[in-house]
Amino acid sequence: MRQIGKRDEALRRAALVTAARLLEERSQAAWAARDAIAELQRL
């Protein structure tokens, strides 16, 4: 999500939505979602 989200604004928004969904679902990938959200919000 982090790498895709860095390509352009539309992909950044999509990556943030996907990361938020993973957090809501309490997925095993939640740690990656938290990292992606933190990094993409700094851009």
C-alpha atoms as a PDB file:
ATOM      1  CA  MET A   1       0.000   0.000   0.000  1.00  0.00           C
ATOM      2  CA  ARG A   2       2.796   2.407   0.829  1.00  0.00           C
ATOM      3  CA  GLN A   3       4.567   2.047  -2.503  1.00  0.00           C
ATOM      4  CA  ILE A   4       1.387   2.184  -4.558  1.00  0.00           C
ATOM      5  CA  GLY A   5       0.145   5.183  -2.598  1.00  0.00           C
ATOM      6  CA  LYS A   6       3.265   7.143  -3.465  1.00  0.00           C
ATOM      7  CA  ARG A   7       2.613   7.025  -7.222  1.00  0.00           C
ATOM      8  CA  ASP A   8      -0.159   9.609  -7.459  1.00  0.00           C
ATOM      9  CA  GLU A   9      -2.937  11.230  -5.453  1.00  0.00           C
ATOM     10  CA  ALA A  10      -5.736   8.918  -6.605  1.00  0.00           C
ATOM     11  CA  LEU A  11      -3.705   5.836  -5.715  1.00  0.00           C
ATOM     12  CA  ARG A  12      -2.752   7.390  -2.361  1.00  0.00           C
ATOM     13  CA  ARG A  13      -6.431   7.868  -1.506  1.00  0.00           C
ATOM     14  CA  ALA A  14      -7.241   4.306  -2.587  1.00  0.00           C
ATOM     15  CA  ALA A  15      -4.387   2.924  -0.493  1.00  0.00           C
ATOM     16  CA  LEU A  16      -5.608   4.866   2.553  1.00  0.00           C
ATOM     17  CA  VAL A  17      -9.147   3.503   2.104  1.00  0.00           C
ATOM     18  CA  THR A  18      -7.807  -0.039   1.786  1.00  0.00           C
ATOM     19  CA  ALA A  19      -5.615   0.368   4.861  1.00  0.00           C
ATOM     20  CA  ALA A  20      -8.538   1.718   6.883  1.00  0.00           C
ATOM     21  CA  ARG A  21     -10.670  -1.245   5.828  1.00  0.00           C
ATOM     22  CA  LEU A  22      -7.961  -3.678   6.954  1.00  0.00           C
ATOM     23  CA  LEU A  23      -7.850  -1.987  10.351  1.00  0.00           C
ATOM     24  CA  GLU A  24     -11.639  -2.161  10.719  1.00  0.00           C
ATOM     25  CA  GLU A  25     -11.629  -5.859   9.841  1.00  0.00           C
ATOM     26  CA  ARG A  26      -8.870  -6.490  12.403  1.00  0.00           C
ATOM     27  CA  SER A  27      -6.991  -8.298   9.678  1.00  0.00           C
ATOM     28  CA  GLN A  28      -3.634  -9.966  10.270  1.00  0.00           C
ATOM     29  CA  ALA A  29      -2.299  -7.264   7.955  1.00  0.00           C
ATOM     30  CA  ALA A  30      -3.381  -4.524  10.380  1.00  0.00           C
ATOM     31  CA  TRP A  31       0.241  -3.759  11.275  1.00  0.00           C
ATOM     32  CA  ALA A  32       1.014  -3.059   7.609  1.00  0.00           C
ATOM     33  CA  ALA A  33      -2.123  -0.953   7.335  1.00  0.00           C
ATOM     34  CA  ARG A  34      -1.082   1.166  10.340  1.00  0.00           C
ATOM     35  CA  ASP A  35       2.374   1.690   8.836  1.00  0.00           C
ATOM     36  CA  ALA A  36       0.914   2.602   5.444  1.00  0.00           C
ATOM     37  CA  ILE A  37      -1.529   5.094   6.935  1.00  0.00           C
ATOM     38  CA  ALA A  38       1.214   6.759   8.966  1.00  0.00           C
ATOM     39  CA  GLU A  39       3.530   7.052   5.980  1.00  0.00           C
ATOM     40  CA  LEU A  40       0.913   8.129   3.430  1.00  0.00           C
ATOM     41  CA  GLN A  41      -0.536  10.806   5.693  1.00  0.00           C
ATOM     42  CA  ARG A  42       2.909  12.445   5.859  1.00  0.00           C
ATOM     43  CA  LEU A  43       3.010  12.955   2.080  1.00  0.00           C
END
